C-alpha atoms as a PDB file:
ATOM      1  CA  MET A   1      -9.825  27.944  70.305  1.00  0.00           C
ATOM      2  CA  SER A   2      -8.704  24.877  68.356  1.00  0.00           C
ATOM      3  CA  ASP A   3      -9.109  21.400  69.872  1.00  0.00           C
ATOM      4  CA  MET A   4      -5.699  20.607  71.371  1.00  0.00           C
ATOM      5  CA  ALA A   5      -6.500  17.073  72.581  1.00  0.00           C
ATOM      6  CA  PRO A   6      -3.837  14.821  70.971  1.00  0.00           C
ATOM      7  CA  ARG A   7      -6.374  12.267  69.725  1.00  0.00           C
ATOM      8  CA  SER A   8      -8.478  14.946  68.011  1.00  0.00           C
ATOM      9  CA  TYR A   9      -5.414  16.680  66.601  1.00  0.00           C
ATOM     10  CA  TYR A  10      -3.993  13.542  64.984  1.00  0.00           C
ATOM     11  CA  ASP A  11      -7.390  12.431  63.701  1.00  0.00           C
ATOM     12  CA  GLU A  12      -7.602  15.780  61.927  1.00  0.00           C
ATOM     13  CA  PHE A  13      -3.933  15.815  60.881  1.00  0.00           C
ATOM     14  CA  ALA A  14      -4.551  12.517  59.055  1.00  0.00           C
ATOM     15  CA  GLU A  15      -2.077  11.908  56.189  1.00  0.00           C
ATOM     16  CA  GLY A  16       0.040  14.821  57.369  1.00  0.00           C
ATOM     17  CA  GLU A  17       1.741  12.617  59.972  1.00  0.00           C
ATOM     18  CA  TRP A  18       2.712  10.064  57.306  1.00  0.00           C
ATOM     19  CA  GLU A  19       4.015  12.824  55.031  1.00  0.00           C
ATOM     20  CA  ARG A  20       5.795  14.720  57.820  1.00  0.00           C
ATOM     21  CA  LEU A  21       8.911  12.558  57.881  1.00  0.00           C
ATOM     22  CA  ASP A  22       9.586  13.138  54.192  1.00  0.00           C
ATOM     23  CA  ARG A  23       8.437  16.743  53.962  1.00  0.00           C
ATOM     24  CA  ASP A  24      11.787  18.575  54.053  1.00  0.00           C
ATOM     25  CA  PRO A  25      15.490  17.896  54.744  1.00  0.00           C
ATOM     26  CA  VAL A  26      15.139  18.442  58.503  1.00  0.00           C
ATOM     27  CA  THR A  27      12.257  16.008  59.024  1.00  0.00           C
ATOM     28  CA  GLN A  28      14.102  13.541  56.783  1.00  0.00           C
ATOM     29  CA  MET A  29      17.039  13.777  59.204  1.00  0.00           C
ATOM     30  CA  GLU A  30      14.724  12.860  62.080  1.00  0.00           C
ATOM     31  CA  PHE A  31      13.777   9.659  60.253  1.00  0.00           C
ATOM     32  CA  GLU A  32      17.255   8.866  58.913  1.00  0.00           C
ATOM     33  CA  ASN A  33      18.970   9.238  62.275  1.00  0.00           C
ATOM     34  CA  THR A  34      16.255   7.272  64.069  1.00  0.00           C
ATOM     35  CA  VAL A  35      16.465   4.276  61.750  1.00  0.00           C
ATOM     36  CA  ALA A  36      20.271   4.370  61.940  1.00  0.00           C
ATOM     37  CA  TYR A  37      19.996   3.585  65.672  1.00  0.00           C
ATOM     38  CA  LEU A  38      17.226   1.055  65.143  1.00  0.00           C
ATOM     39  CA  ASP A  39      19.418  -0.726  62.625  1.00  0.00           C
ATOM     40  CA  ARG A  40      22.334  -0.722  65.054  1.00  0.00           C
ATOM     41  CA  HIS A  41      20.521  -1.898  68.198  1.00  0.00           C
ATOM     42  CA  LEU A  42      17.541  -4.042  67.157  1.00  0.00           C
ATOM     43  CA  PRO A  43      17.750  -7.826  67.518  1.00  0.00           C
ATOM     44  CA  GLU A  44      18.092  -9.745  64.262  1.00  0.00           C
ATOM     45  CA  SER A  45      14.427 -10.758  64.333  1.00  0.00           C
ATOM     46  CA  GLY A  46      11.408 -10.857  66.587  1.00  0.00           C
ATOM     47  CA  ARG A  47       8.273  -9.081  67.680  1.00  0.00           C
ATOM     48  CA  VAL A  48       8.371  -5.272  67.881  1.00  0.00           C
ATOM     49  CA  LEU A  49       5.858  -2.880  69.425  1.00  0.00           C
ATOM     50  CA  ASP A  50       5.428   0.477  67.675  1.00  0.00           C
ATOM     51  CA  ALA A  51       3.643   2.469  70.401  1.00  0.00           C
ATOM     52  CA  GLY A  52       2.114   5.705  69.163  1.00  0.00           C
ATOM     53  CA  GLY A  53       3.075   4.583  65.669  1.00  0.00           C
ATOM     54  CA  ALA A  54       0.581   6.866  63.884  1.00  0.00           C
ATOM     55  CA  ALA A  55       0.272   6.136  60.143  1.00  0.00           C
ATOM     56  CA  GLY A  56       3.032   3.542  60.246  1.00  0.00           C
ATOM     57  CA  ARG A  57       6.253   5.058  58.913  1.00  0.00           C
ATOM     58  CA  TYR A  58       8.437   3.124  61.344  1.00  0.00           C
ATOM     59  CA  SER A  59       6.223   0.035  61.281  1.00  0.00           C
ATOM     60  CA  ILE A  60       6.661  -0.169  57.497  1.00  0.00           C
ATOM     61  CA  TRP A  61      10.439   0.173  57.856  1.00  0.00           C
ATOM     62  CA  LEU A  62      10.486  -2.574  60.498  1.00  0.00           C
ATOM     63  CA  ALA A  63       8.223  -4.949  58.569  1.00  0.00           C
ATOM     64  CA  GLU A  64      10.283  -4.548  55.407  1.00  0.00           C
ATOM     65  CA  ARG A  65      13.224  -5.867  57.418  1.00  0.00           C
ATOM     66  CA  GLY A  66      11.381  -8.948  58.585  1.00  0.00           C
ATOM     67  CA  TYR A  67      10.079  -7.950  62.007  1.00  0.00           C
ATOM     68  CA  ASP A  68       6.620  -8.892  63.261  1.00  0.00           C
ATOM     69  CA  VAL A  69       5.167  -5.481  64.157  1.00  0.00           C
ATOM     70  CA  THR A  70       2.288  -4.451  66.399  1.00  0.00           C
ATOM     71  CA  LEU A  71       1.297  -0.798  66.041  1.00  0.00           C
ATOM     72  CA  VAL A  72      -0.925   0.955  68.560  1.00  0.00           C
ATOM     73  CA  ASP A  73      -2.069   4.554  68.420  1.00  0.00           C
ATOM     74  CA  LEU A  74      -4.599   6.713  70.253  1.00  0.00           C
ATOM     75  CA  SER A  75      -5.996   8.103  66.984  1.00  0.00           C
ATOM     76  CA  PRO A  76      -8.452   5.852  65.097  1.00  0.00           C
ATOM     77  CA  LYS A  77      -7.693   7.792  61.904  1.00  0.00           C
ATOM     78  CA  GLN A  78      -3.963   7.138  62.214  1.00  0.00           C
ATOM     79  CA  VAL A  79      -4.612   3.429  62.816  1.00  0.00           C
ATOM     80  CA  GLU A  80      -6.828   3.327  59.731  1.00  0.00           C
ATOM     81  CA  LEU A  81      -4.061   4.950  57.684  1.00  0.00           C
ATOM     82  CA  ALA A  82      -1.467   2.538  59.093  1.00  0.00           C
ATOM     83  CA  GLN A  83      -3.611  -0.414  58.016  1.00  0.00           C
ATOM     84  CA  LYS A  84      -4.033   1.131  54.551  1.00  0.00           C
ATOM     85  CA  ASN A  85      -0.317   1.855  54.187  1.00  0.00           C
ATOM     86  CA  ALA A  86       0.598  -1.682  55.230  1.00  0.00           C
ATOM     87  CA  ALA A  87      -1.909  -3.252  52.810  1.00  0.00           C
ATOM     88  CA  GLU A  88      -0.714  -1.108  49.898  1.00  0.00           C
ATOM     89  CA  ARG A  89       2.804  -2.474  50.422  1.00  0.00           C
ATOM     90  CA  GLY A  90       1.757  -6.079  50.915  1.00  0.00           C
ATOM     91  CA  LEU A  91       2.736  -5.957  54.595  1.00  0.00           C
ATOM     92  CA  ASP A  92      -0.658  -6.403  56.256  1.00  0.00           C
ATOM     93  CA  ALA A  93       0.366  -9.885  57.457  1.00  0.00           C
ATOM     94  CA  GLU A  94       3.499  -8.457  59.115  1.00  0.00           C
ATOM     95  CA  ILE A  95       1.834  -5.402  60.710  1.00  0.00           C
ATOM     96  CA  SER A  96      -1.061  -5.510  63.148  1.00  0.00           C
ATOM     97  CA  ALA A  97      -2.480  -2.023  63.832  1.00  0.00           C
ATOM     98  CA  GLU A  98      -5.021  -1.163  66.524  1.00  0.00           C
ATOM     99  CA  THR A  99      -6.157   1.703  68.703  1.00  0.00           C
ATOM    100  CA  GLY A 100      -4.523   1.809  72.109  1.00  0.00           C
ATOM    101  CA  ASP A 101      -3.118   4.037  74.826  1.00  0.00           C
ATOM    102  CA  VAL A 102       0.551   3.971  75.797  1.00  0.00           C
ATOM    103  CA  ARG A 103      -0.511   4.605  79.403  1.00  0.00           C
ATOM    104  CA  ASP A 104      -2.398   1.306  79.537  1.00  0.00           C
ATOM    105  CA  LEU A 105      -1.094  -1.233  77.038  1.00  0.00           C
ATOM    106  CA  ARG A 106      -3.195  -4.382  76.701  1.00  0.00           C
ATOM    107  CA  PHE A 107      -0.201  -6.702  76.193  1.00  0.00           C
ATOM    108  CA  GLU A 108       1.287  -9.167  78.632  1.00  0.00           C
ATOM    109  CA  SER A 109       4.564  -8.398  80.351  1.00  0.00           C
ATOM    110  CA  ASP A 110       7.765  -9.263  78.448  1.00  0.00           C
ATOM    111  CA  ALA A 111       5.763  -9.644  75.215  1.00  0.00           C
ATOM    112  CA  PHE A 112       8.105  -7.855  72.780  1.00  0.00           C
ATOM    113  CA  ASP A 113      11.699  -8.334  71.664  1.00  0.00           C
ATOM    114  CA  ALA A 114      11.975  -4.574  71.084  1.00  0.00           C
ATOM    115  CA  VAL A 115       9.771  -1.564  71.808  1.00  0.00           C
ATOM    116  CA  CYS A 116       9.570   1.706  69.865  1.00  0.00           C
ATOM    117  CA  CYS A 117       7.819   4.916  70.879  1.00  0.00           C
ATOM    118  CA  LEU A 118       9.005   7.310  68.193  1.00  0.00           C
ATOM    119  CA  GLY A 119       8.188  10.800  66.970  1.00  0.00           C
ATOM    120  CA  GLY A 120       7.059  12.157  70.324  1.00  0.00           C
ATOM    121  CA  PRO A 121       4.004  10.226  71.602  1.00  0.00           C
ATOM    122  CA  LEU A 122       5.217  10.527  75.206  1.00  0.00           C
ATOM    123  CA  SER A 123       5.493  14.284  74.778  1.00  0.00           C
ATOM    124  CA  HIS A 124       1.716  14.365  74.374  1.00  0.00           C
ATOM    125  CA  VAL A 125       1.263  12.877  77.852  1.00  0.00           C
ATOM    126  CA  VAL A 126       1.494  16.143  79.761  1.00  0.00           C
ATOM    127  CA  ASP A 127       0.689  14.961  83.290  1.00  0.00           C
ATOM    128  CA  ASP A 128       3.883  13.831  85.039  1.00  0.00           C
ATOM    129  CA  ALA A 129       2.297  10.858  86.804  1.00  0.00           C
ATOM    130  CA  GLU A 130       0.582   9.626  83.645  1.00  0.00           C
ATOM    131  CA  ARG A 131       3.804   9.991  81.645  1.00  0.00           C
ATOM    132  CA  HIS A 132       5.675   7.970  84.274  1.00  0.00           C
ATOM    133  CA  ARG A 133       2.966   5.329  83.998  1.00  0.00           C
ATOM    134  CA  ALA A 134       3.385   5.287  80.209  1.00  0.00           C
ATOM    135  CA  MET A 135       7.147   4.824  80.507  1.00  0.00           C
ATOM    136  CA  ARG A 136       6.628   1.992  82.977  1.00  0.00           C
ATOM    137  CA  GLU A 137       4.207   0.384  80.523  1.00  0.00           C
ATOM    138  CA  LEU A 138       6.816   0.513  77.749  1.00  0.00           C
ATOM    139  CA  ARG A 139       9.281  -1.185  80.065  1.00  0.00           C
ATOM    140  CA  ARG A 140       6.744  -3.757  81.278  1.00  0.00           C
ATOM    141  CA  VAL A 141       5.913  -5.089  77.818  1.00  0.00           C
ATOM    142  CA  ALA A 142       9.569  -5.315  76.760  1.00  0.00           C
ATOM    143  CA  ALA A 143      11.363  -8.623  77.273  1.00  0.00           C
ATOM    144  CA  PRO A 144      14.297  -8.586  79.705  1.00  0.00           C
ATOM    145  CA  ASP A 145      17.282  -6.751  78.174  1.00  0.00           C
ATOM    146  CA  ALA A 146      15.234  -5.811  75.083  1.00  0.00           C
ATOM    147  CA  PRO A 147      16.121  -2.508  73.375  1.00  0.00           C
ATOM    148  CA  VAL A 148      13.593   0.267  73.842  1.00  0.00           C
ATOM    149  CA  PHE A 149      13.673   3.357  71.621  1.00  0.00           C
ATOM    150  CA  VAL A 150      11.892   6.513  72.778  1.00  0.00           C
ATOM    151  CA  SER A 151      11.939   9.926  71.121  1.00  0.00           C
ATOM    152  CA  VAL A 152      10.389  13.111  72.475  1.00  0.00           C
ATOM    153  CA  ILE A 153      10.157  16.775  71.500  1.00  0.00           C
ATOM    154  CA  GLY A 154      12.769  19.199  72.796  1.00  0.00           C
ATOM    155  CA  LEU A 155      11.979  22.279  74.876  1.00  0.00           C
ATOM    156  CA  LEU A 156      14.722  24.583  73.603  1.00  0.00           C
ATOM    157  CA  ALA A 157      13.684  24.029  69.983  1.00  0.00           C
ATOM    158  CA  ALA A 158      10.046  24.673  70.934  1.00  0.00           C
ATOM    159  CA  LEU A 159      10.994  27.971  72.562  1.00  0.00           C
ATOM    160  CA  GLN A 160      13.085  28.904  69.536  1.00  0.00           C
ATOM    161  CA  ASP A 161      10.173  27.993  67.273  1.00  0.00           C
ATOM    162  CA  THR A 162       7.839  30.326  69.183  1.00  0.00           C
ATOM    163  CA  ILE A 163      10.331  33.185  69.017  1.00  0.00           C
ATOM    164  CA  LYS A 164      11.090  32.630  65.327  1.00  0.00           C
ATOM    165  CA  PHE A 165       7.573  32.202  63.961  1.00  0.00           C
ATOM    166  CA  ASN A 166       5.074  33.472  66.523  1.00  0.00           C
ATOM    167  CA  ALA A 167       6.779  36.048  68.732  1.00  0.00           C
ATOM    168  CA  ASP A 168       3.988  38.627  68.706  1.00  0.00           C
ATOM    169  CA  ALA A 169       1.071  36.271  69.369  1.00  0.00           C
ATOM    170  CA  GLY A 170       2.944  33.717  71.449  1.00  0.00           C
ATOM    171  CA  HIS A 171       5.357  35.713  73.584  1.00  0.00           C
ATOM    172  CA  GLY A 172       3.177  35.149  76.651  1.00  0.00           C
ATOM    173  CA  LEU A 173       3.876  31.425  76.374  1.00  0.00           C
ATOM    174  CA  LEU A 174       7.638  31.700  76.632  1.00  0.00           C
ATOM    175  CA  VAL A 175       8.250  32.139  80.369  1.00  0.00           C
ATOM    176  CA  PRO A 176       5.735  29.548  81.656  1.00  0.00           C
ATOM    177  CA  LEU A 177       6.807  27.118  78.938  1.00  0.00           C
ATOM    178  CA  ALA A 178      10.468  27.539  79.878  1.00  0.00           C
ATOM    179  CA  GLU A 179       9.598  27.009  83.545  1.00  0.00           C
ATOM    180  CA  THR A 180       7.556  23.811  83.197  1.00  0.00           C
ATOM    181  CA  GLY A 181       7.823  22.496  79.640  1.00  0.00           C
ATOM    182  CA  ASP A 182       4.035  22.089  79.650  1.00  0.00           C
ATOM    183  CA  TYR A 183       2.096  23.397  76.651  1.00  0.00           C
ATOM    184  CA  THR A 184      -1.584  23.117  77.502  1.00  0.00           C
ATOM    185  CA  ALA A 185      -4.933  24.371  76.238  1.00  0.00           C
ATOM    186  CA  GLU A 186      -5.287  26.483  79.382  1.00  0.00           C
ATOM    187  CA  LEU A 187      -1.907  28.128  78.817  1.00  0.00           C
ATOM    188  CA  VAL A 188      -2.660  28.870  75.165  1.00  0.00           C
ATOM    189  CA  ALA A 189      -6.063  30.346  76.050  1.00  0.00           C
ATOM    190  CA  GLU A 190      -4.538  32.611  78.703  1.00  0.00           C
ATOM    191  CA  ARG A 191      -1.262  33.650  77.108  1.00  0.00           C
ATOM    192  CA  SER A 192      -1.662  33.693  73.308  1.00  0.00           C
ATOM    193  CA  ASP A 193      -4.180  34.151  70.519  1.00  0.00           C
ATOM    194  CA  GLY A 194      -5.989  30.959  71.535  1.00  0.00           C
ATOM    195  CA  GLU A 195      -4.920  28.891  68.529  1.00  0.00           C
ATOM    196  CA  GLY A 196      -2.688  25.981  69.472  1.00  0.00           C
ATOM    197  CA  TRP A 197      -1.073  22.726  68.527  1.00  0.00           C
ATOM    198  CA  ALA A 198      -1.696  19.418  70.356  1.00  0.00           C
ATOM    199  CA  GLU A 199      -1.032  19.599  74.108  1.00  0.00           C
ATOM    200  CA  CYS A 200       2.551  18.665  74.821  1.00  0.00           C
ATOM    201  CA  HIS A 201       5.302  18.340  77.401  1.00  0.00           C
ATOM    202  CA  PHE A 202       8.614  19.491  75.953  1.00  0.00           C
ATOM    203  CA  PHE A 203      11.826  18.001  77.354  1.00  0.00           C
ATOM    204  CA  ARG A 204      15.330  19.006  78.333  1.00  0.00           C
ATOM    205  CA  ALA A 205      17.848  16.213  77.863  1.00  0.00           C
ATOM    206  CA  ASP A 206      18.645  15.819  81.565  1.00  0.00           C
ATOM    207  CA  GLY A 207      14.980  15.626  82.537  1.00  0.00           C
ATOM    208  CA  PHE A 208      14.260  13.100  79.791  1.00  0.00           C
ATOM    209  CA  GLU A 209      17.055  10.861  81.014  1.00  0.00           C
ATOM    210  CA  ARG A 210      15.939  11.145  84.650  1.00  0.00           C
ATOM    211  CA  GLU A 211      12.346  10.195  83.808  1.00  0.00           C
ATOM    212  CA  LEU A 212      13.456   7.129  81.859  1.00  0.00           C
ATOM    213  CA  GLN A 213      15.755   6.025  84.674  1.00  0.00           C
ATOM    214  CA  ALA A 214      12.970   6.523  87.230  1.00  0.00           C
ATOM    215  CA  ALA A 215      10.821   4.161  85.118  1.00  0.00           C
ATOM    216  CA  GLY A 216      13.530   1.489  85.377  1.00  0.00           C
ATOM    217  CA  PHE A 217      15.360   1.936  82.070  1.00  0.00           C
ATOM    218  CA  GLU A 218      19.088   1.847  81.518  1.00  0.00           C
ATOM    219  CA  VAL A 219      19.731   4.726  79.109  1.00  0.00           C
ATOM    220  CA  GLU A 220      22.547   3.753  76.742  1.00  0.00           C
ATOM    221  CA  ARG A 221      22.427   6.678  74.292  1.00  0.00           C
ATOM    222  CA  LEU A 222      20.800  10.075  73.934  1.00  0.00           C
ATOM    223  CA  VAL A 223      20.683  11.326  70.348  1.00  0.00           C
ATOM    224  CA  GLY A 224      19.850  14.708  68.823  1.00  0.00           C
ATOM    225  CA  LEU A 225      17.949  13.666  65.721  1.00  0.00           C
ATOM    226  CA  GLU A 226      18.031  17.071  63.979  1.00  0.00           C
ATOM    227  CA  GLY A 227      20.711  18.730  66.102  1.00  0.00           C
ATOM    228  CA  VAL A 228      22.133  21.897  64.579  1.00  0.00           C
ATOM    229  CA  ALA A 229      19.580  21.693  61.742  1.00  0.00           C
ATOM    230  CA  SER A 230      16.666  22.197  64.150  1.00  0.00           C
ATOM    231  CA  ARG A 231      14.199  24.940  63.155  1.00  0.00           C
ATOM    232  CA  MET A 232      15.994  25.319  59.776  1.00  0.00           C
ATOM    233  CA  LYS A 233      13.300  23.753  57.574  1.00  0.00           C
ATOM    234  CA  LEU A 234      12.711  26.806  55.408  1.00  0.00           C
ATOM    235  CA  GLU A 235      16.391  27.538  54.955  1.00  0.00           C
ATOM    236  CA  LEU A 236      17.384  23.967  54.070  1.00  0.00           C
ATOM    237  CA  GLY A 237      14.328  23.539  51.872  1.00  0.00           C
ATOM    238  CA  GLU A 238      15.786  26.265  49.653  1.00  0.00           C
ATOM    239  CA  ALA A 239      19.405  25.037  49.792  1.00  0.00           C
ATOM    240  CA  ASP A 240      21.052  22.912  47.102  1.00  0.00           C
ATOM    241  CA  GLU A 241      21.647  19.202  47.709  1.00  0.00           C
ATOM    242  CA  GLU A 242      25.383  19.598  48.283  1.00  0.00           C
ATOM    243  CA  ALA A 243      24.756  22.082  51.090  1.00  0.00           C
ATOM    244  CA  VAL A 244      22.063  19.881  52.621  1.00  0.00           C
ATOM    245  CA  GLU A 245      24.392  16.882  52.557  1.00  0.00           C
ATOM    246  CA  SER A 246      27.026  18.875  54.433  1.00  0.00           C
ATOM    247  CA  VAL A 247      24.451  19.657  57.118  1.00  0.00           C
ATOM    248  CA  ARG A 248      23.456  15.977  57.293  1.00  0.00           C
ATOM    249  CA  LYS A 249      27.095  15.028  57.912  1.00  0.00           C
ATOM    250  CA  VAL A 250      27.449  17.586  60.694  1.00  0.00           C
ATOM    251  CA  VAL A 251      24.192  16.449  62.335  1.00  0.00           C
ATOM    252  CA  ARG A 252      25.430  12.839  62.260  1.00  0.00           C
ATOM    253  CA  MET A 253      28.821  13.918  63.612  1.00  0.00           C
ATOM    254  CA  LEU A 254      27.327  15.774  66.577  1.00  0.00           C
ATOM    255  CA  ARG A 255      24.179  13.762  67.238  1.00  0.00           C
ATOM    256  CA  GLU A 256      25.401  12.317  70.568  1.00  0.00           C
ATOM    257  CA  ASP A 257      26.897  15.611  71.764  1.00  0.00           C
ATOM    258  CA  ARG A 258      24.848  16.590  74.826  1.00  0.00           C
ATOM    259  CA  ALA A 259      24.376  20.173  73.661  1.00  0.00           C
ATOM    260  CA  ALA A 260      23.150  18.999  70.253  1.00  0.00           C
ATOM    261  CA  VAL A 261      20.725  16.626  71.989  1.00  0.00           C
ATOM    262  CA  ASP A 262      19.355  19.394  74.184  1.00  0.00           C
ATOM    263  CA  TRP A 263      18.815  21.780  71.264  1.00  0.00           C
ATOM    264  CA  SER A 264      17.295  19.185  68.967  1.00  0.00           C
ATOM    265  CA  GLU A 265      13.647  19.248  67.866  1.00  0.00           C
ATOM    266  CA  HIS A 266      13.462  15.538  68.704  1.00  0.00           C
ATOM    267  CA  MET A 267      15.752  13.636  71.046  1.00  0.00           C
ATOM    268  CA  LEU A 268      16.025   9.853  70.950  1.00  0.00           C
ATOM    269  CA  ALA A 269      16.881   7.615  73.893  1.00  0.00           C
ATOM    270  CA  VAL A 270      18.231   4.144  73.245  1.00  0.00           C
ATOM    271  CA  CYS A 271      17.442   2.140  76.387  1.00  0.00           C
ATOM    272  CA  ARG A 272      17.459  -1.357  77.826  1.00  0.00           C
ATOM    273  CA  ALA A 273      14.529  -2.770  79.714  1.00  0.00           C
END
C-alpha cells in the first residue's frame, strides 16, 4: 500500500503541487476564483500567514502585491520549493518559508493581518478534534477582525471522482466515505485495491460552515471554486478556449450558490476572526 501520510505524500509530490494550479482549466479556476476573493477582502497591506502554503503559489501572488508573507507547511520538500520559487522571483525578502503544523502554530496570538489556509490543508487533518484545534489556531494568530480564508476539498466531488475514474477498484469506499467523509489508510486497505491518495476528510458545505463557527469564526461567504466544472478536467482540457471561457463565466456566476458550493471540488470560506 502507498504511504498516505500527508507529509510523505507532499514530499513525494514535490513540484506537482506548484504545477497543479496551472495544469488544466479546472485547476486554473480554483486559483482564479480564490485570488478574486483575496483581492476583494484582504487589507491594503500587512502581514499574511499562508498556512499549508506548499510550494508557494499563493505566497508568490501575495508578495507580488506587497504583502509580508509567512509560509508554513508540514512538508520539508514543499518548504524548500517555496523558498526556491520565491528566490527565483526576487521575493525571498518578502516571503519567509518554514516547516510547521497548522495544529500547533508557533506564532503569537493576533500576529497576522490576514490568514490563508488554501488548497485543502485542513482536509488532511482527518481527526475531528485535531481539525478543530487547527481551526482554532488559525483564528488565534489572526488579528481581531482580520480576514481568514480557508478552502477544503468537497465530499460530493470526491464521491463523483471515485465513481467516474475508479468504480471497480474503489466501489467499497463509497458508502463509508459518504457516511463519514473520512478517507484513511485503514479504509483504503480494507475496501479497495490498497493504493491511495493522502489521507483526507472531505466536507459538505453545511458541515464546513459549522466547524468554522464552532472554532469562533464569522463565516461571511462560502464559495464553490470550480462549481459546475468540477471533475471535468479531461473534457475542458480538450475544449476550445471560447467554450472554456463560457464555463468560467458560469462558474463565476454560480460560485456562491449553495448547491454549487456543495458540489465543488474545493470550497472556500471567507471568514472574520
